[in-house]
Protein backbone atom coordinates (compact mmCIF):
# COMPACT_ATOMS: atom_id res chain seq x y z
CA MET A 1 -32.54 -17.55 -25.91
CA PRO A 2 -31.06 -14.52 -23.73
CA LYS A 3 -33.27 -11.69 -23.64
CA PRO A 4 -32.06 -8.66 -25.98
CA GLU A 5 -30.27 -5.51 -24.48
CA PRO A 6 -32.54 -2.58 -24.24
CA HIS A 7 -29.86 -0.33 -24.70
CA PRO A 8 -27.47 -1.98 -27.72
CA HIS A 9 -25.61 0.78 -27.94
CA LEU A 10 -23.63 3.54 -25.77
CA GLY A 11 -24.38 6.88 -25.16
CA PRO A 12 -22.53 10.16 -26.04
CA GLN A 13 -21.62 10.49 -22.09
CA ALA A 14 -21.12 6.77 -21.94
CA ARG A 15 -18.46 7.40 -24.72
CA TRP A 16 -17.02 10.10 -23.38
CA ALA A 17 -16.51 8.20 -20.14
CA LEU A 18 -14.97 5.14 -21.90
CA ALA A 19 -12.29 7.26 -23.63
CA ALA A 20 -10.97 8.97 -20.28
CA VAL A 21 -11.05 5.40 -18.19
CA ALA A 22 -9.04 3.82 -21.28
CA THR A 23 -6.92 6.64 -21.62
CA GLY A 24 -6.45 6.96 -18.30
CA ALA A 25 -5.86 3.36 -17.78
CA PHE A 26 -2.98 3.24 -20.44
CA CYS A 27 -1.50 6.27 -18.60
CA VAL A 28 -1.40 4.33 -15.01
CA GLN A 29 0.13 1.12 -16.52
CA LEU A 30 2.11 2.56 -18.69
CA ASP A 31 4.27 4.89 -16.06
CA SER A 32 3.87 1.64 -14.27
CA PHE A 33 6.10 -0.36 -16.04
CA ALA A 34 8.01 1.82 -18.43
CA LEU A 35 10.94 2.36 -16.22
CA ASN A 36 11.56 -0.74 -15.11
CA LEU A 37 14.56 -1.12 -18.12
CA ALA A 38 15.79 2.68 -17.55
CA LEU A 39 16.62 2.72 -14.10
CA PRO A 40 20.09 2.22 -14.91
CA VAL A 41 20.03 5.48 -17.34
CA VAL A 42 18.08 7.26 -14.29
CA ARG A 43 20.63 6.45 -11.98
CA GLU A 44 23.52 7.63 -14.15
CA ALA A 45 21.85 10.53 -15.17
CA LEU A 46 20.87 11.66 -11.66
CA HIS A 47 23.81 10.47 -10.13
CA GLY A 48 22.10 8.44 -7.67
CA SER A 49 22.62 5.78 -4.99
CA ALA A 50 21.90 2.21 -5.67
CA THR A 51 19.45 2.01 -2.82
CA VAL A 52 17.01 5.31 -3.30
CA THR A 53 17.07 4.43 -7.54
CA PRO A 54 14.50 1.80 -7.07
CA TRP A 55 11.98 3.31 -5.05
CA VAL A 56 11.54 5.45 -8.51
CA VAL A 57 9.43 2.24 -9.56
CA SER A 58 8.47 1.27 -5.55
CA GLY A 59 7.04 4.38 -4.40
CA TYR A 60 4.83 4.61 -7.38
CA LEU A 61 3.40 1.33 -7.02
CA LEU A 62 3.21 1.55 -3.48
CA ALA A 63 1.09 4.97 -3.50
CA ALA A 64 -1.02 3.72 -5.91
CA GLY A 65 -1.65 0.22 -4.59
CA SER A 66 -2.37 1.74 -0.52
CA LEU A 67 -4.44 4.59 -1.68
CA MET A 68 -6.73 2.65 -3.91
CA PRO A 69 -9.28 1.72 -1.33
CA VAL A 70 -9.77 5.48 0.22
CA ALA A 71 -9.65 6.78 -3.72
CA GLY A 72 -12.44 4.25 -4.64
CA ARG A 73 -14.58 5.31 -1.33
CA LEU A 74 -14.04 9.44 -2.33
CA GLY A 75 -15.57 8.54 -5.70
CA ASP A 76 -18.71 7.64 -3.99
CA LEU A 77 -18.77 9.90 -1.64
CA TYR A 78 -17.91 13.43 -3.73
CA GLY A 79 -18.56 12.33 -7.31
CA ARG A 80 -16.85 9.88 -9.62
CA ARG A 81 -16.46 12.27 -12.40
CA ARG A 82 -14.93 15.08 -10.40
CA MET A 83 -12.47 12.45 -8.53
CA LEU A 84 -11.39 10.85 -11.97
CA THR A 85 -10.90 14.52 -12.95
CA ALA A 86 -8.83 15.62 -10.22
CA GLY A 87 -6.55 12.34 -10.62
CA LEU A 88 -6.17 12.95 -14.14
CA ALA A 89 -4.93 16.38 -13.42
CA LEU A 90 -2.87 15.32 -10.56
CA PHE A 91 -0.92 12.56 -12.53
CA GLY A 92 -0.58 15.14 -15.52
CA VAL A 93 0.76 17.58 -13.60
CA THR A 94 3.46 15.36 -11.56
CA ALA A 95 4.69 13.92 -14.84
CA VAL A 96 5.66 17.04 -15.77
CA LEU A 97 7.72 17.39 -12.58
CA CYS A 98 9.07 13.89 -12.93
CA ALA A 99 10.22 15.23 -16.41
CA LEU A 100 12.13 18.14 -15.35
CA ALA A 101 13.22 16.60 -11.91
CA PRO A 102 16.68 17.86 -11.19
CA SER A 103 17.69 15.15 -8.66
CA LEU A 104 16.39 11.78 -7.76
CA PRO A 105 14.76 12.49 -4.07
CA LEU A 106 12.83 15.02 -5.74
CA LEU A 107 11.92 12.50 -8.45
CA VAL A 108 11.23 10.06 -6.11
CA THR A 109 8.68 12.55 -4.10
CA ALA A 110 6.79 13.24 -7.74
CA ARG A 111 6.86 9.64 -8.89
CA VAL A 112 4.98 9.02 -5.39
CA LEU A 113 2.49 12.10 -6.36
CA GLN A 114 2.26 10.40 -9.40
CA GLY A 115 0.86 7.03 -7.72
CA ALA A 116 -1.57 8.93 -5.70
CA GLY A 117 -2.96 10.30 -9.17
CA GLY A 118 -2.65 6.57 -10.51
CA ALA A 119 -4.59 5.58 -7.58
CA LEU A 120 -7.57 8.00 -8.24
CA ILE A 121 -7.71 7.16 -11.62
CA MET A 122 -8.58 3.18 -11.87
CA PRO A 123 -10.83 2.49 -9.56
CA VAL A 124 -12.78 5.87 -9.53
CA GLY A 125 -13.12 5.14 -13.63
CA LEU A 126 -14.07 1.59 -13.32
CA ALA A 127 -17.04 2.86 -11.00
CA LEU A 128 -17.65 5.86 -13.33
CA LEU A 129 -18.05 3.15 -16.56
CA THR A 130 -20.27 1.41 -14.62
CA HIS A 131 -22.81 3.89 -14.09
CA ALA A 132 -22.37 5.61 -17.39
CA CYS A 133 -23.22 2.57 -19.35
CA PRO A 134 -26.44 0.96 -20.16
CA PRO A 135 -27.23 -2.35 -18.28
CA GLY A 136 -25.72 -4.93 -19.91
CA ARG A 137 -22.80 -2.97 -21.56
CA GLY A 138 -20.80 -1.75 -18.70
CA ARG A 139 -19.02 -4.64 -18.47
CA ARG A 140 -17.69 -4.43 -22.25
CA ALA A 141 -16.61 -1.20 -22.11
CA MET A 142 -14.66 -2.20 -18.90
CA GLY A 143 -13.38 -4.79 -21.08
CA ARG A 144 -12.05 -2.46 -23.69
CA ALA A 145 -10.84 0.09 -21.23
CA LEU A 146 -8.99 -2.79 -19.58
CA GLY A 147 -7.91 -4.34 -22.88
CA LEU A 148 -5.96 -1.05 -23.67
CA ALA A 149 -4.46 -0.69 -20.05
CA GLY A 150 -3.22 -4.58 -20.56
CA LEU A 151 -1.69 -3.53 -23.73
CA ALA A 152 0.25 -0.95 -21.91
CA THR A 153 1.47 -3.39 -19.36
CA VAL A 154 3.02 -5.19 -21.90
CA CYS A 155 4.86 -2.46 -24.01
CA GLY A 156 5.88 -0.18 -21.08
CA PRO A 157 9.08 -1.73 -20.40
CA PHE A 158 10.36 -2.11 -23.73
CA LEU A 159 9.02 1.17 -24.58
CA GLY A 160 10.55 2.62 -21.60
CA GLY A 161 13.81 0.75 -22.27
CA VAL A 162 14.15 2.44 -26.37
CA LEU A 163 13.50 5.99 -25.42
CA ALA A 164 15.83 6.16 -22.52
CA ARG A 165 18.34 4.79 -24.55
CA SER A 166 17.55 6.41 -27.98
CA VAL A 167 16.02 9.85 -26.68
CA SER A 168 15.83 10.06 -23.05
CA TRP A 169 14.35 8.99 -19.92
CA ARG A 170 12.56 11.99 -19.57
CA ALA A 171 10.56 11.53 -22.71
CA VAL A 172 8.62 8.44 -20.98
CA PHE A 173 7.17 11.20 -18.67
CA TRP A 174 6.46 13.78 -21.38
CA LEU A 175 4.66 11.04 -23.67
CA THR A 176 2.06 10.65 -20.49
CA VAL A 177 1.55 14.37 -20.49
CA PRO A 178 -1.02 15.40 -23.39
CA LEU A 179 -2.58 11.71 -23.01
CA ALA A 180 -3.92 12.68 -19.29
CA VAL A 181 -4.61 16.33 -20.37
CA ALA A 182 -6.99 14.44 -23.02
CA ALA A 183 -8.56 11.86 -20.57
CA ALA A 184 -9.31 14.90 -18.34
CA LEU A 185 -11.24 16.42 -21.14
CA CYS A 186 -12.98 13.23 -22.10
CA ALA A 187 -13.92 12.71 -18.12
CA ARG A 188 -15.47 16.54 -18.56
CA ARG A 189 -17.96 15.61 -20.86
CA ALA A 190 -18.78 12.21 -19.02
CA ALA A 191 -22.07 12.04 -16.56
CA GLU A 192 -21.44 12.69 -12.93
CA SER A 193 -22.87 9.97 -10.36
CA ARG A 194 -21.79 8.92 -6.16
CA ASP A 195 -23.53 6.79 -3.60
CA PRO A 196 -26.99 8.92 -2.70
CA GLU A 197 -26.75 6.94 0.51
CA ALA A 198 -23.66 8.16 1.62
CA GLY A 199 -22.64 11.02 3.88
CA GLN A 200 -20.27 13.92 3.34
CA SER A 201 -17.53 12.77 5.65
CA LEU A 202 -15.05 10.08 4.90
CA ASP A 203 -14.00 7.40 8.01
CA GLY A 204 -10.54 9.10 8.58
CA GLY A 205 -9.60 6.26 10.70
CA GLY A 206 -10.76 3.77 9.00
CA ALA A 207 -8.88 5.35 5.65
CA ILE A 208 -5.09 5.23 7.74
CA ALA A 209 -5.97 1.71 8.73
CA VAL A 210 -6.41 0.49 5.40
CA THR A 211 -3.74 2.40 3.51
CA GLY A 212 -1.22 1.24 6.53
CA VAL A 213 -2.66 -2.75 5.85
CA ALA A 214 -2.07 -2.55 1.90
CA ALA A 215 1.54 -0.86 2.22
CA CYS A 216 2.69 -3.38 5.02
CA LEU A 217 1.43 -6.01 2.64
CA ALA A 218 2.86 -4.81 -0.14
CA ARG A 219 6.11 -4.28 1.55
CA TRP A 220 6.15 -7.48 2.80
CA LEU A 221 5.30 -9.43 0.03
CA GLU A 222 8.54 -7.81 -1.78
CA HIS A 223 10.67 -8.71 1.61
CA ALA A 224 9.26 -12.38 2.53
CA ALA A 225 12.04 -12.55 5.00
CA ASP A 226 11.13 -9.35 6.95
CA TRP A 227 8.71 -10.07 9.14
CA GLY A 228 8.19 -6.73 10.82
CA TRP A 229 6.14 -5.76 7.86
CA ALA A 230 3.82 -8.93 8.27
CA VAL A 231 3.25 -7.70 11.69
CA GLY A 232 2.40 -4.05 10.45
CA ALA A 233 0.21 -5.36 7.92
CA ALA A 234 -1.82 -7.69 10.88
CA LEU A 235 -2.06 -4.35 13.71
CA PHE A 236 -3.39 -2.40 11.15
CA GLY A 237 -5.48 -4.70 9.97
CA ALA A 238 -7.06 -5.17 13.35
CA LEU A 239 -7.12 -1.56 14.00
CA PHE A 240 -9.12 -1.70 10.66
CA VAL A 241 -11.83 -3.82 11.35
CA ARG A 242 -12.39 -2.38 14.74
CA ALA A 243 -12.53 1.06 13.20
CA GLU A 244 -15.35 -0.29 10.92
CA ARG A 245 -17.14 -1.94 13.08
CA ARG A 246 -17.62 1.59 15.16
CA SER A 247 -17.76 3.63 12.20
CA PRO A 248 -21.61 4.58 11.27
CA ALA A 249 -20.05 5.32 7.59
CA PRO A 250 -17.35 2.55 7.15
CA LEU A 251 -15.14 3.58 4.59
CA VAL A 252 -15.63 -0.13 3.50
CA ASP A 253 -18.61 -2.37 4.53
CA LEU A 254 -17.36 -5.56 6.10
CA GLY A 255 -20.51 -7.29 4.23
CA LEU A 256 -18.42 -7.16 1.29
CA PHE A 257 -16.11 -9.95 2.44
CA ARG A 258 -19.04 -12.18 2.85
CA ASN A 259 -19.91 -11.89 -0.73
CA ARG A 260 -18.87 -15.37 -2.11
CA PRO A 261 -18.24 -14.06 -5.96
CA TYR A 262 -16.81 -11.06 -4.98
CA VAL A 263 -14.10 -13.03 -2.29
CA ALA A 264 -13.35 -16.13 -5.13
CA LEU A 265 -12.71 -13.61 -8.10
CA THR A 266 -10.48 -11.00 -5.97
CA VAL A 267 -8.15 -13.72 -5.06
CA ALA A 268 -8.24 -15.26 -8.35
CA GLY A 269 -7.26 -12.07 -10.13
CA ALA A 270 -4.57 -11.53 -7.69
CA VAL A 271 -3.23 -15.37 -8.15
CA ALA A 272 -3.48 -14.02 -12.24
CA ASN A 273 -2.15 -10.69 -11.59
CA SER A 274 1.05 -12.27 -10.00
CA ALA A 275 1.47 -14.70 -12.62
CA THR A 276 1.17 -12.27 -15.56
CA VAL A 277 4.26 -10.41 -13.67
CA ALA A 278 6.20 -13.51 -13.77
CA LEU A 279 5.30 -14.26 -17.26
CA LEU A 280 6.06 -10.65 -18.32
CA TYR A 281 9.67 -11.32 -16.97
CA VAL A 282 10.70 -14.56 -17.45
CA VAL A 283 9.69 -14.65 -21.33
CA PRO A 284 11.79 -10.93 -22.16
CA TRP A 285 14.58 -12.51 -19.84
CA THR A 286 14.37 -15.56 -21.67
CA LEU A 287 14.50 -14.20 -25.39
CA GLN A 288 17.31 -11.86 -24.23
CA GLN A 289 19.95 -13.82 -22.30
CA VAL A 290 19.00 -17.32 -23.80
CA GLU A 291 18.32 -16.47 -27.25
CA GLY A 292 20.71 -13.97 -27.26
CA TRP A 293 17.89 -11.51 -28.68
CA SER A 294 18.44 -7.44 -28.24
CA VAL A 295 15.90 -5.33 -26.03
CA LEU A 296 14.56 -4.38 -29.57
CA GLU A 297 13.94 -7.16 -31.29
CA ALA A 298 12.63 -9.13 -27.83
CA GLY A 299 9.62 -6.15 -28.11
CA VAL A 300 8.79 -6.99 -31.79
CA VAL A 301 8.52 -10.66 -31.23
CA PHE A 302 6.48 -10.11 -28.15
CA VAL A 303 3.91 -8.24 -30.15
CA ALA A 304 1.85 -11.78 -30.33
CA PRO A 305 1.80 -12.31 -26.55
CA ALA A 306 0.86 -8.75 -25.61
CA GLY A 307 -2.17 -8.77 -28.19
CA ALA A 308 -3.29 -11.86 -26.76
CA LEU A 309 -3.11 -10.25 -23.31
CA ALA A 310 -5.02 -6.82 -24.97
CA VAL A 311 -7.60 -8.90 -26.26
CA GLY A 312 -8.29 -10.76 -22.55
CA GLY A 313 -9.70 -7.45 -21.37
CA PRO A 314 -12.69 -7.07 -24.04
CA LEU A 315 -13.45 -11.06 -23.75
CA ALA A 316 -13.82 -10.83 -20.47
CA GLY A 317 -16.20 -8.01 -20.45
CA ARG A 318 -18.53 -10.43 -22.55
CA VAL A 319 -19.14 -12.76 -19.68
CA ARG A 320 -21.86 -12.96 -17.73
CA PRO A 321 -21.82 -12.20 -13.88
CA GLY A 322 -23.07 -16.00 -13.45
CA ALA A 323 -20.31 -17.69 -14.99
CA ALA A 324 -17.53 -15.37 -14.06
CA VAL A 325 -15.89 -17.91 -11.00
CA PRO A 326 -16.68 -21.02 -13.74
CA VAL A 327 -14.98 -19.08 -16.72
CA MET A 328 -12.05 -17.90 -14.08
CA ALA A 329 -11.34 -21.53 -12.94
CA LEU A 330 -11.18 -22.33 -16.69
CA CYS A 331 -9.08 -19.66 -17.27
CA LEU A 332 -6.57 -20.38 -14.34
CA ALA A 333 -6.04 -23.91 -15.07
CA SER A 334 -5.58 -23.06 -18.92
CA GLY A 335 -3.25 -20.27 -17.89
CA ALA A 336 -1.27 -22.89 -15.50
CA VAL A 337 -0.55 -25.69 -18.56
CA ALA A 338 0.54 -22.64 -20.68
CA LEU A 339 2.74 -21.42 -18.19
CA ALA A 340 4.43 -25.03 -17.32
CA ALA A 341 4.94 -25.28 -21.27
CA THR A 342 6.44 -21.96 -21.40
CA THR A 343 9.14 -23.56 -18.95
CA ARG A 344 9.45 -26.84 -21.01
CA GLY A 345 9.50 -25.73 -24.42
CA THR A 346 12.50 -25.52 -26.55
CA GLY A 347 13.16 -23.45 -29.12
CA THR A 348 12.14 -19.52 -29.66
CA PRO A 349 8.25 -21.06 -31.57
CA ALA A 350 7.45 -23.09 -29.25
CA LEU A 351 8.32 -20.21 -26.14
CA LEU A 352 6.28 -17.88 -27.87
CA MET A 353 3.18 -20.00 -28.91
CA ALA A 354 3.25 -21.16 -24.88
CA ALA A 355 3.22 -17.47 -23.85
CA THR A 356 0.77 -16.23 -26.07
CA ALA A 357 -1.60 -18.69 -25.02
CA ALA A 358 -0.63 -18.08 -21.16
CA ALA A 359 -1.05 -14.27 -21.78
CA ALA A 360 -4.47 -14.91 -23.70
CA ALA A 361 -5.71 -16.89 -20.69
CA LEU A 362 -4.30 -14.69 -17.87
CA GLY A 363 -5.83 -11.64 -19.52
CA VAL A 364 -9.19 -12.90 -19.59
CA ALA A 365 -8.81 -13.81 -15.85
CA GLY A 366 -7.16 -10.50 -14.54
CA GLY A 367 -10.07 -8.64 -16.92
CA LEU A 368 -12.36 -10.64 -14.80
CA ALA A 369 -11.29 -9.77 -11.68
CA LEU A 370 -12.63 -6.64 -12.04
CA THR A 371 -15.37 -6.58 -14.49
CA GLY A 372 -16.92 -9.40 -12.40
CA THR A 373 -16.69 -7.43 -9.33
CA GLN A 374 -18.35 -4.87 -10.31
CA ALA A 375 -21.65 -6.73 -11.35
CA VAL A 376 -21.78 -8.44 -8.21
CA VAL A 377 -22.06 -5.51 -5.96
CA ARG A 378 -24.35 -2.94 -5.13
CA HIS A 379 -23.95 0.07 -8.13
CA GLU A 380 -24.05 2.55 -5.24
CA ARG A 381 -20.35 1.26 -3.79
CA ALA A 382 -18.93 0.28 -7.15
CA GLY A 383 -16.03 2.52 -6.26
CA GLU A 384 -15.01 0.82 -2.93
CA ALA A 385 -15.45 -2.32 -4.52
CA SER A 386 -13.26 -2.10 -7.20
CA GLY A 387 -10.97 -0.03 -5.01
CA VAL A 388 -10.35 -2.84 -2.62
CA THR A 389 -9.87 -5.19 -6.00
CA LYS A 390 -7.62 -3.09 -7.16
CA ALA A 391 -5.33 -2.66 -3.72
CA VAL A 392 -5.29 -6.55 -3.45
CA MET A 393 -4.12 -6.98 -7.29
CA THR A 394 -1.58 -4.62 -7.23
CA ALA A 395 -0.10 -5.28 -3.66
CA THR A 396 0.29 -9.23 -4.50
CA ALA A 397 1.80 -8.22 -8.03
CA GLY A 398 5.33 -9.14 -6.60
CA VAL A 399 4.58 -12.42 -5.16
CA GLY A 400 5.05 -13.94 -9.25
CA LEU A 401 8.82 -12.16 -9.50
CA ALA A 402 9.45 -13.97 -6.21
CA LEU A 403 7.86 -17.33 -7.14
CA THR A 404 10.39 -16.91 -10.29
CA ASP A 405 13.56 -17.21 -8.08
CA ALA A 406 14.42 -13.80 -9.91
CA GLY A 407 16.06 -12.43 -6.26
CA THR A 408 17.94 -15.55 -5.53
CA GLY A 409 21.25 -13.72 -7.42
CA GLY A 410 22.43 -17.05 -8.06
CA GLY A 411 22.50 -16.68 -11.71
CA ALA A 412 20.06 -19.18 -11.90
CA ARG A 413 17.25 -19.41 -15.14
CA PRO A 414 14.02 -18.08 -13.52
CA SER A 415 11.22 -20.61 -13.91
CA LEU A 416 7.22 -20.33 -14.08
CA VAL A 417 6.62 -23.49 -12.74
CA LEU A 418 5.60 -21.83 -9.28
CA PRO A 419 3.62 -19.36 -10.64
CA ALA A 420 1.80 -22.11 -13.00
CA ALA A 421 1.28 -24.39 -10.01
CA ALA A 422 -0.49 -21.39 -7.62
CA CYS A 423 -2.66 -20.84 -10.93
CA LEU A 424 -3.21 -24.68 -10.42
CA VAL A 425 -4.17 -24.80 -7.35
CA THR A 426 -6.62 -21.98 -7.17
CA ALA A 427 -8.57 -23.22 -10.25
CA ALA A 428 -8.78 -26.46 -7.96
CA ALA A 429 -9.82 -24.23 -5.17
CA LEU A 430 -12.37 -22.42 -6.83
CA VAL A 431 -14.08 -25.68 -8.70
CA ILE A 432 -14.51 -27.02 -4.90
CA ALA A 433 -15.97 -23.99 -3.66
CA ARG A 434 -18.55 -24.09 -6.62
CA VAL A 435 -19.26 -27.97 -6.20
CA LEU A 436 -19.55 -27.87 -2.76
CA GLY A 437 -20.92 -24.38 -1.89
CA VAL A 438 -18.81 -23.42 0.80
CA ARG A 439 -18.75 -19.69 1.87
CA LEU A 440 -15.25 -18.79 0.84
CA VAL A 441 -12.51 -20.58 -0.91
CA VAL A 442 -11.40 -23.55 0.30
CA GLY A 443 -7.86 -23.08 2.27
CA LEU A 444 -8.67 -19.46 2.95
CA ALA A 445 -12.00 -20.25 4.69
CA PRO A 446 -10.52 -20.52 8.17
CA VAL A 447 -8.43 -17.49 8.04
CA LEU A 448 -10.75 -15.66 6.79
CA GLY A 449 -13.24 -16.47 9.15
CA LEU A 450 -11.22 -16.03 12.07
CA ALA A 451 -10.17 -12.62 10.93
CA PRO A 452 -12.64 -10.78 13.13
CA VAL A 453 -12.17 -12.84 16.07
CA LEU A 454 -8.21 -12.35 15.50
CA GLY A 455 -8.72 -8.52 15.14
CA ARG A 456 -10.59 -8.09 18.35
CA VAL A 457 -8.38 -10.32 20.30
CA LEU A 458 -4.81 -8.06 18.84
CA VAL A 459 -6.89 -4.89 19.73
CA ARG A 460 -7.74 -6.06 23.70
CA ALA A 461 -4.70 -6.96 23.64
CA LEU A 462 -2.76 -4.01 22.54
CA PHE A 463 -5.12 -1.84 24.76
CA SER A 464 -4.24 -4.10 27.60
CA VAL A 465 -0.49 -3.64 27.08
CA ARG A 466 -0.96 0.18 26.96
CA GLU A 467 -2.79 -0.17 30.39
CA LEU A 468 -0.47 -2.01 32.08
CA LEU A 469 2.69 0.37 30.93
CA LEU A 470 0.29 3.58 32.33
CA VAL A 471 -0.22 1.48 35.32
CA ARG A 472 3.75 1.24 36.00
CA ALA A 473 4.37 4.26 34.52
CA LEU A 474 1.74 6.16 37.45
CA ARG A 475 2.65 3.10 40.29
CA PRO A 476 5.49 5.35 41.85
CA ILE A 477 3.51 8.72 41.73
CA GLY A 478 0.54 6.80 43.63
CA ARG A 479 3.26 5.99 46.52
CA ARG A 480 3.98 8.96 46.69
CA ALA A 481 0.99 10.50 46.94
CA ASP A 482 -0.17 7.90 49.64
CA ARG A 483 3.18 8.46 51.85
CA ARG A 484 2.42 11.96 52.04
CA ARG A 485 -1.49 11.56 52.65
CA LYS A 486 0.25 9.40 55.71
CA GLY A 487 2.40 11.94 56.93
CA GLN A 488 -0.28 14.40 56.74
CA ARG A 489 -3.19 12.22 58.69
CA GLY A 490 -4.22 13.80 62.11
CA ALA A 491 -2.36 17.44 61.20
CA ASP A 492 -4.29 20.33 61.14
CA PRO A 493 -3.03 22.38 58.09
CA HIS A 494 -1.87 25.75 58.35
CA PRO A 495 -4.71 28.50 57.80
CA THR A 496 -3.04 30.61 55.77
CA ASP A 497 -1.51 27.41 53.35
CA PRO A 498 -4.16 26.06 51.32
CA HIS A 499 -2.18 23.01 50.03
CA PRO A 500 -0.45 21.67 53.06
CA THR A 501 3.13 20.06 52.92
CA ASP A 502 4.29 17.38 55.42
CA PRO A 503 4.13 18.65 58.94
CA HIS A 504 7.25 19.73 61.17
CA PRO A 505 8.99 18.20 63.26
CA THR A 506 7.62 19.38 66.31
CA ASP A 507 4.29 18.59 64.96
CA ARG A 508 5.13 15.11 63.92
CA ARG A 509 6.41 14.38 67.89
CA ARG A 510 3.07 15.80 69.07
CA MET A 511 1.12 13.72 66.63
CA GLY A 512 3.39 10.53 68.18
CA ARG A 513 2.22 11.26 71.68
CA ARG A 514 -0.92 11.73 71.32
CA GLY A 515 -0.83 8.17 69.57
CA ALA A 516 0.73 6.73 72.41
CA ASP A 517 -2.17 8.27 75.09
CA ARG A 518 -5.16 6.72 72.99
CA ARG A 519 -3.32 3.48 72.65
CA GLN A 520 -2.84 3.59 76.46
CA ALA A 521 -6.37 4.51 77.13
CA ASP A 522 -7.22 1.58 75.03
CA ARG A 523 -5.80 -0.93 77.05
CA HIS A 524 -6.91 0.64 80.24
CA ARG A 525 -10.50 0.79 78.68
CA SER A 526 -9.91 -3.09 77.65
CA ALA A 527 -8.66 -4.32 81.27
CA ARG A 528 -11.59 -2.76 82.92
CA CYS A 529 -14.21 -4.42 80.79
CA ARG A 530 -11.98 -7.69 81.40
CA THR A 531 -12.52 -7.19 85.32
CA ASP A 532 -16.34 -6.22 84.95
CA ARG A 533 -17.16 -9.68 82.94
CA ARG A 534 -15.24 -11.24 85.76
CA ARG A 535 -17.11 -9.71 88.59
CA THR A 536 -20.73 -10.32 86.39
CA ASP A 537 -19.42 -14.07 86.09
CA ARG A 538 -18.97 -14.52 89.84
CA ARG A 539 -22.54 -13.48 91.05
CA GLU A 540 -24.17 -15.42 88.46
């Protein structure tokens, strides 16, 4: 029989924290996807170019994903309630700037700043809930907040498309302004918490390096053919490992990556999140392009998968920490079967039934990645752990679209076969890791185990190249100095010149005569020595 929870109900401060985090997460997820279908309207209204318009969405997601590890640690250092309130205030102000933007470059700039506010809201809010709720209740509270965020993820594209075509694309941002203000007022009533063992300074080198890693990784996964981003991510990763090993107060404790449940849940959560993104793209596309439904009709019939995805968060909050990894494997396997059935299904009812089952399984898996990781780390560094997990999930979200072959441009129907295969392989890896008791997920263990070694090798190679370039640059200067010293050797400097230069030609001739006289004297001395030795030998 499980022991009864000592505090079955949330206190007033925990309820305020839950309201703030749930509302803030809803705003962040809503603005992440609301403009996906409204980009043509935005481009036409602001007379923007085709290359700049996608950055209205990409800039927001890139800023939010790359800054989350730094944001989580800021909450641990300076107070989670304070950072959550600051993030909500920044999000609300930048939403107003987005709604009033007169040109596309200003809109992109405001969206990047809005992504920075969203980066503060998500990891700091989850860490605040972990500390504000009584033992045993934090996971359920986070599940409720994540359920509301999942509802915004599903409904965001349809809501944004309807508002852009019926009212204005600016209405999407005006909608989030009062929600952000209400969330900030609720956050002010929550209890403050921070890491008591942390200092008052942020690891600047580690912050720059981890931000570069997340940004380069996200860009590379979005453009897999451009290997320059992959090289950049590897170099920033090497610098990050070097900085964290040398820092007395690291931004991210490298021991976090030796936590087996944490790594397993984070990797599996990233796979589930990418599969969810693929599902949210393929099913509406099929309803509109294949079945011939309008945007509004597709949004109405998609209520069932949306509700299933939203229920996944609260269900994940009820899973015990010890059962998180097995349940995650079960959800990924079920999601793989449902995704395959979505691809094979014929007719709208079969498609919606399979999509609802897949959304429910993937919703639980995505929620477990956040609630489960918070339960297996130290509460003092909860913000750091949630920041790393959210950054990984956000950076790898674009992989789902790549697996659906959405960017081929060949007119082929996107498929969910590859996302289903990825979920099935990850579930099998979790089962094998659980049975065999390996340190990390099978297949990822060699890479993750060699990461510190590869990081040190890359850093040493960089420093060796830098030293070689410096030597080559300074070698001509050294040669000129050597020639100058050889020319000055044997000459007395002028008494009034503290820095003598090359001697006068007359002085050089005198120095040459002196050298010849010395050499001749040495030859005479050697001849006398040979003569003396011969005489000594004859006497003996």
